[in-house]
Amino acid sequence: MIQTEKLSDNCVLTDVSDPSEEDIHHLKQEFGITDEILEYAYDIDESPRTEYNEDVDMRMVIFDTIIDKKRANVIRDPTRPATFLFDDKNLIVFSAKQTHFVIDMLMNTKNGQLNQQLSH
């Protein structure tokens, strides 16, 4: 599924969660996303790192995050990658159902809700 939201006048968030074949086609057409990037984004053994991706002319940050225990087998592997691609106009975040809470936290921060929750 792909959802978009305007983060600011200059930046659009594209939230990619467990993409369908149609979604993948759209990402390839709209942003030039490669199969290699998709493999990075959804490989549970992918190494956390940051790099510049020449194929899409964007920075890429991959990090492991603790997964939502209600949605996965945490005994086998308690982490999954969350991948961010960004330039000056776009922030593309790749997540799975177990890591989609990262998007929720990002949006709560944008809306000031996380800061309010932390201060109480």
N, C-alpha and C. Protein backbone atom coordinates (compact mmCIF):
# COMPACT_ATOMS: atom_id res chain seq x y z
N MET A 1 0.85 -1.16 0.00
CA MET A 1 0.00 0.00 0.00
C MET A 1 0.90 1.24 0.00
N ILE A 2 0.50 2.23 -0.75
CA ILE A 2 1.20 3.51 -0.80
C ILE A 2 0.24 4.61 -0.37
N GLN A 3 0.71 5.43 0.56
CA GLN A 3 -0.05 6.61 0.97
C GLN A 3 0.90 7.80 0.92
N THR A 4 0.36 8.95 0.56
CA THR A 4 1.19 10.15 0.53
C THR A 4 0.57 11.21 1.43
N GLU A 5 1.45 12.03 1.98
CA GLU A 5 1.00 13.14 2.80
C GLU A 5 2.01 14.26 2.68
N LYS A 6 1.51 15.46 2.57
CA LYS A 6 2.37 16.63 2.50
C LYS A 6 2.92 16.91 3.90
N LEU A 7 4.24 16.86 4.03
CA LEU A 7 4.87 17.16 5.31
C LEU A 7 5.09 18.65 5.50
N SER A 8 5.36 19.33 4.40
CA SER A 8 5.59 20.77 4.42
C SER A 8 5.32 21.30 3.02
N ASP A 9 5.51 22.58 2.82
CA ASP A 9 5.32 23.14 1.49
C ASP A 9 6.32 22.57 0.49
N ASN A 10 7.43 22.04 1.00
CA ASN A 10 8.50 21.57 0.12
C ASN A 10 8.74 20.07 0.15
N CYS A 11 7.99 19.34 0.95
CA CYS A 11 8.31 17.91 1.10
C CYS A 11 7.04 17.06 1.20
N VAL A 12 7.06 15.94 0.47
CA VAL A 12 5.96 14.99 0.49
C VAL A 12 6.47 13.66 1.05
N LEU A 13 5.72 13.11 2.00
CA LEU A 13 6.00 11.79 2.55
C LEU A 13 5.27 10.75 1.70
N THR A 14 6.00 9.74 1.26
CA THR A 14 5.40 8.60 0.59
C THR A 14 5.62 7.40 1.49
N ASP A 15 4.53 6.90 2.02
CA ASP A 15 4.53 5.78 2.97
C ASP A 15 4.28 4.51 2.18
N VAL A 16 5.29 3.64 2.13
CA VAL A 16 5.19 2.38 1.38
C VAL A 16 5.20 1.24 2.38
N SER A 17 4.09 0.53 2.46
CA SER A 17 3.99 -0.57 3.41
C SER A 17 3.51 -1.82 2.69
N ASP A 18 4.34 -2.86 2.73
CA ASP A 18 4.02 -4.13 2.07
C ASP A 18 3.43 -3.89 0.67
N PRO A 19 4.23 -3.35 -0.25
CA PRO A 19 3.70 -2.94 -1.55
C PRO A 19 3.24 -4.11 -2.44
N SER A 20 2.16 -3.87 -3.15
CA SER A 20 1.66 -4.82 -4.15
C SER A 20 2.48 -4.66 -5.43
N GLU A 21 2.25 -5.52 -6.38
CA GLU A 21 2.94 -5.41 -7.68
C GLU A 21 2.59 -4.08 -8.36
N GLU A 22 1.35 -3.66 -8.23
CA GLU A 22 0.92 -2.36 -8.79
C GLU A 22 1.66 -1.21 -8.10
N ASP A 23 1.81 -1.30 -6.78
CA ASP A 23 2.55 -0.28 -6.03
C ASP A 23 4.01 -0.22 -6.49
N ILE A 24 4.60 -1.38 -6.65
CA ILE A 24 6.00 -1.45 -7.09
C ILE A 24 6.15 -0.81 -8.46
N HIS A 25 5.24 -1.10 -9.35
CA HIS A 25 5.27 -0.49 -10.69
C HIS A 25 5.21 1.04 -10.57
N HIS A 26 4.31 1.53 -9.72
CA HIS A 26 4.17 2.97 -9.52
C HIS A 26 5.47 3.58 -8.98
N LEU A 27 6.09 2.93 -7.99
CA LEU A 27 7.34 3.43 -7.42
C LEU A 27 8.46 3.49 -8.46
N LYS A 28 8.50 2.49 -9.32
CA LYS A 28 9.51 2.47 -10.38
C LYS A 28 9.28 3.59 -11.38
N GLN A 29 8.02 3.81 -11.74
CA GLN A 29 7.69 4.86 -12.71
C GLN A 29 7.86 6.26 -12.13
N GLU A 30 7.37 6.46 -10.92
CA GLU A 30 7.35 7.80 -10.30
C GLU A 30 8.71 8.24 -9.79
N PHE A 31 9.45 7.31 -9.16
CA PHE A 31 10.70 7.68 -8.49
C PHE A 31 11.94 6.98 -9.04
N GLY A 32 11.75 6.02 -9.93
CA GLY A 32 12.90 5.27 -10.43
C GLY A 32 13.41 4.24 -9.45
N ILE A 33 12.56 3.83 -8.50
CA ILE A 33 12.96 2.84 -7.50
C ILE A 33 13.36 1.55 -8.21
N THR A 34 14.49 0.99 -7.81
CA THR A 34 15.00 -0.22 -8.44
C THR A 34 14.64 -1.46 -7.62
N ASP A 35 14.77 -2.62 -8.24
CA ASP A 35 14.56 -3.88 -7.53
C ASP A 35 15.56 -4.00 -6.38
N GLU A 36 16.77 -3.51 -6.59
CA GLU A 36 17.80 -3.57 -5.55
C GLU A 36 17.37 -2.79 -4.30
N ILE A 37 16.82 -1.61 -4.49
CA ILE A 37 16.34 -0.82 -3.35
C ILE A 37 15.22 -1.56 -2.63
N LEU A 38 14.31 -2.15 -3.37
CA LEU A 38 13.22 -2.91 -2.75
C LEU A 38 13.76 -4.11 -1.97
N GLU A 39 14.80 -4.76 -2.50
CA GLU A 39 15.41 -5.86 -1.76
C GLU A 39 16.02 -5.37 -0.46
N TYR A 40 16.72 -4.24 -0.52
CA TYR A 40 17.28 -3.66 0.70
C TYR A 40 16.17 -3.38 1.72
N ALA A 41 15.10 -2.80 1.25
CA ALA A 41 14.02 -2.34 2.15
C ALA A 41 13.32 -3.49 2.87
N TYR A 42 13.24 -4.65 2.24
CA TYR A 42 12.45 -5.73 2.83
C TYR A 42 13.24 -6.98 3.19
N ASP A 43 14.56 -6.91 3.11
CA ASP A 43 15.41 -8.03 3.51
C ASP A 43 15.61 -7.97 5.02
N ILE A 44 15.09 -8.96 5.75
CA ILE A 44 15.16 -8.91 7.22
C ILE A 44 16.60 -8.99 7.72
N ASP A 45 17.54 -9.41 6.88
CA ASP A 45 18.93 -9.49 7.29
C ASP A 45 19.77 -8.33 6.76
N GLU A 46 19.12 -7.32 6.19
CA GLU A 46 19.85 -6.18 5.63
C GLU A 46 20.59 -5.43 6.72
N SER A 47 21.82 -5.04 6.44
CA SER A 47 22.63 -4.32 7.43
C SER A 47 22.21 -2.86 7.52
N PRO A 48 22.08 -2.35 8.72
CA PRO A 48 21.78 -0.92 8.88
C PRO A 48 22.93 -0.08 8.32
N ARG A 49 22.58 1.00 7.64
CA ARG A 49 23.62 1.86 7.07
C ARG A 49 22.99 3.10 6.46
N THR A 50 23.83 4.01 6.07
CA THR A 50 23.39 5.16 5.29
C THR A 50 24.30 5.26 4.08
N GLU A 51 23.71 5.62 2.96
CA GLU A 51 24.49 5.76 1.73
C GLU A 51 23.74 6.65 0.75
N TYR A 52 24.48 7.10 -0.24
CA TYR A 52 23.87 7.85 -1.33
C TYR A 52 23.57 6.85 -2.44
N ASN A 53 22.33 6.86 -2.93
CA ASN A 53 21.93 5.95 -4.00
C ASN A 53 21.88 6.71 -5.31
N GLU A 54 22.83 6.43 -6.18
CA GLU A 54 22.92 7.14 -7.46
C GLU A 54 21.74 6.83 -8.39
N ASP A 55 21.18 5.63 -8.28
CA ASP A 55 20.09 5.25 -9.18
C ASP A 55 18.90 6.19 -9.07
N VAL A 56 18.60 6.64 -7.85
CA VAL A 56 17.45 7.51 -7.63
C VAL A 56 17.85 8.92 -7.20
N ASP A 57 19.17 9.16 -7.10
CA ASP A 57 19.69 10.47 -6.68
C ASP A 57 19.10 10.89 -5.33
N MET A 58 19.14 9.95 -4.38
CA MET A 58 18.61 10.19 -3.03
C MET A 58 19.54 9.56 -2.00
N ARG A 59 19.46 10.09 -0.80
CA ARG A 59 20.12 9.48 0.35
C ARG A 59 19.25 8.32 0.82
N MET A 60 19.91 7.27 1.32
CA MET A 60 19.18 6.12 1.83
C MET A 60 19.68 5.81 3.24
N VAL A 61 18.74 5.65 4.16
CA VAL A 61 19.06 5.24 5.53
C VAL A 61 18.28 3.98 5.82
N ILE A 62 19.00 2.94 6.20
CA ILE A 62 18.36 1.68 6.59
C ILE A 62 18.73 1.45 8.05
N PHE A 63 17.74 1.21 8.88
CA PHE A 63 18.05 0.88 10.26
C PHE A 63 17.14 -0.25 10.73
N ASP A 64 17.64 -0.98 11.69
CA ASP A 64 16.85 -2.05 12.30
C ASP A 64 16.07 -1.46 13.46
N THR A 65 14.82 -1.83 13.53
CA THR A 65 13.99 -1.38 14.63
C THR A 65 13.32 -2.59 15.27
N ILE A 66 13.05 -2.47 16.53
CA ILE A 66 12.31 -3.52 17.23
C ILE A 66 10.93 -3.60 16.58
N ILE A 67 10.44 -4.79 16.37
CA ILE A 67 9.16 -4.94 15.69
C ILE A 67 8.00 -4.97 16.68
N ASP A 68 6.83 -4.72 16.14
CA ASP A 68 5.59 -4.76 16.91
C ASP A 68 5.35 -6.22 17.31
N LYS A 69 5.45 -6.52 18.58
CA LYS A 69 5.35 -7.90 19.08
C LYS A 69 4.03 -8.56 18.74
N LYS A 70 2.98 -7.77 18.58
CA LYS A 70 1.67 -8.33 18.29
C LYS A 70 1.57 -8.85 16.86
N ARG A 71 2.51 -8.44 16.00
CA ARG A 71 2.37 -8.75 14.58
C ARG A 71 3.46 -9.65 14.02
N ALA A 72 4.32 -10.20 14.88
CA ALA A 72 5.40 -11.02 14.34
C ALA A 72 5.94 -11.98 15.38
N ASN A 73 6.74 -12.92 14.89
CA ASN A 73 7.40 -13.89 15.74
C ASN A 73 8.71 -13.28 16.25
N VAL A 74 8.68 -12.67 17.42
CA VAL A 74 9.86 -11.98 17.94
C VAL A 74 10.91 -12.94 18.47
N ILE A 75 10.56 -14.16 18.72
CA ILE A 75 11.54 -15.13 19.19
C ILE A 75 12.54 -15.43 18.08
N ARG A 76 12.06 -15.54 16.86
CA ARG A 76 12.94 -15.84 15.73
C ARG A 76 13.85 -14.67 15.41
N ASP A 77 13.30 -13.48 15.29
CA ASP A 77 14.09 -12.29 14.97
C ASP A 77 13.32 -11.07 15.42
N PRO A 78 13.77 -10.39 16.45
CA PRO A 78 13.00 -9.28 17.02
C PRO A 78 13.15 -7.95 16.28
N THR A 79 13.90 -7.92 15.19
CA THR A 79 14.07 -6.66 14.46
C THR A 79 13.75 -6.83 12.98
N ARG A 80 13.44 -5.70 12.36
CA ARG A 80 13.21 -5.63 10.92
C ARG A 80 13.75 -4.28 10.44
N PRO A 81 14.08 -4.19 9.15
CA PRO A 81 14.57 -2.90 8.65
C PRO A 81 13.42 -1.92 8.40
N ALA A 82 13.72 -0.67 8.60
CA ALA A 82 12.88 0.44 8.13
C ALA A 82 13.82 1.25 7.24
N THR A 83 13.35 1.58 6.05
CA THR A 83 14.22 2.23 5.07
C THR A 83 13.66 3.58 4.67
N PHE A 84 14.53 4.58 4.68
CA PHE A 84 14.17 5.94 4.31
C PHE A 84 14.99 6.35 3.10
N LEU A 85 14.32 6.82 2.07
CA LEU A 85 14.96 7.44 0.91
C LEU A 85 14.52 8.89 0.91
N PHE A 86 15.46 9.81 0.71
CA PHE A 86 15.03 11.20 0.74
C PHE A 86 15.94 12.10 -0.09
N ASP A 87 15.31 13.17 -0.57
CA ASP A 87 16.01 14.26 -1.22
C ASP A 87 15.35 15.54 -0.72
N ASP A 88 15.54 16.64 -1.43
CA ASP A 88 14.99 17.91 -0.92
C ASP A 88 13.48 18.04 -1.09
N LYS A 89 12.83 17.13 -1.82
CA LYS A 89 11.39 17.23 -2.05
C LYS A 89 10.59 16.03 -1.56
N ASN A 90 11.25 14.92 -1.35
CA ASN A 90 10.55 13.67 -1.05
C ASN A 90 11.18 12.92 0.11
N LEU A 91 10.32 12.30 0.89
CA LEU A 91 10.73 11.34 1.91
C LEU A 91 9.91 10.08 1.65
N ILE A 92 10.59 9.03 1.24
CA ILE A 92 9.93 7.75 0.96
C ILE A 92 10.33 6.80 2.07
N VAL A 93 9.34 6.26 2.77
CA VAL A 93 9.61 5.36 3.89
C VAL A 93 9.03 4.00 3.55
N PHE A 94 9.88 2.98 3.59
CA PHE A 94 9.47 1.60 3.34
C PHE A 94 9.34 0.90 4.69
N SER A 95 8.18 0.33 4.94
CA SER A 95 7.96 -0.41 6.18
C SER A 95 7.11 -1.64 5.88
N ALA A 96 7.04 -2.51 6.87
CA ALA A 96 6.18 -3.68 6.81
C ALA A 96 5.17 -3.55 7.95
N LYS A 97 4.22 -4.46 8.00
CA LYS A 97 3.20 -4.33 9.05
C LYS A 97 3.83 -4.34 10.44
N GLN A 98 4.97 -5.05 10.61
CA GLN A 98 5.61 -5.12 11.91
C GLN A 98 6.37 -3.84 12.27
N THR A 99 6.68 -3.00 11.28
CA THR A 99 7.48 -1.79 11.53
C THR A 99 6.74 -0.51 11.16
N HIS A 100 5.47 -0.61 10.83
CA HIS A 100 4.74 0.57 10.39
C HIS A 100 4.58 1.61 11.50
N PHE A 101 4.75 1.20 12.74
CA PHE A 101 4.66 2.15 13.84
C PHE A 101 5.69 3.28 13.69
N VAL A 102 6.76 3.04 12.93
CA VAL A 102 7.76 4.09 12.67
C VAL A 102 7.10 5.26 11.95
N ILE A 103 6.24 4.96 11.00
CA ILE A 103 5.51 6.01 10.28
C ILE A 103 4.58 6.74 11.23
N ASP A 104 3.90 5.99 12.06
CA ASP A 104 2.99 6.61 13.03
C ASP A 104 3.75 7.57 13.94
N MET A 105 4.92 7.18 14.40
CA MET A 105 5.72 8.05 15.25
C MET A 105 6.17 9.30 14.49
N LEU A 106 6.56 9.11 13.24
CA LEU A 106 6.98 10.25 12.42
C LEU A 106 5.83 11.24 12.25
N MET A 107 4.64 10.73 11.97
CA MET A 107 3.49 11.61 11.77
C MET A 107 3.07 12.26 13.09
N ASN A 108 3.17 11.54 14.20
CA ASN A 108 2.85 12.14 15.49
C ASN A 108 3.83 13.27 15.81
N THR A 109 5.08 13.09 15.45
CA THR A 109 6.07 14.13 15.67
C THR A 109 5.74 15.35 14.82
N LYS A 110 5.34 15.11 13.57
CA LYS A 110 4.96 16.21 12.68
C LYS A 110 3.79 16.99 13.27
N ASN A 111 2.85 16.28 13.83
CA ASN A 111 1.65 16.91 14.37
C ASN A 111 1.83 17.41 15.80
N GLY A 112 3.02 17.23 16.37
CA GLY A 112 3.29 17.70 17.71
C GLY A 112 2.77 16.78 18.80
N GLN A 113 2.13 15.69 18.45
CA GLN A 113 1.53 14.81 19.44
C GLN A 113 2.58 14.07 20.25
N LEU A 114 3.66 13.63 19.62
CA LEU A 114 4.67 12.88 20.35
C LEU A 114 5.33 13.79 21.39
N ASN A 115 5.64 15.01 21.00
CA ASN A 115 6.24 15.94 21.95
C ASN A 115 5.31 16.19 23.13
N GLN A 116 4.03 16.29 22.88
CA GLN A 116 3.07 16.49 23.96
C GLN A 116 3.02 15.27 24.86
N GLN A 117 3.04 14.07 24.27
CA GLN A 117 2.98 12.84 25.06
C GLN A 117 4.21 12.71 25.94
N LEU A 118 5.37 13.07 25.41
CA LEU A 118 6.61 12.94 26.17
C LEU A 118 6.70 13.95 27.32
N SER A 119 6.04 15.08 27.18
CA SER A 119 6.14 16.12 28.21
C SER A 119 5.15 15.89 29.35
N HIS A 120 4.24 14.95 29.22
CA HIS A 120 3.24 14.70 30.29
C HIS A 120 3.63 13.52 31.13
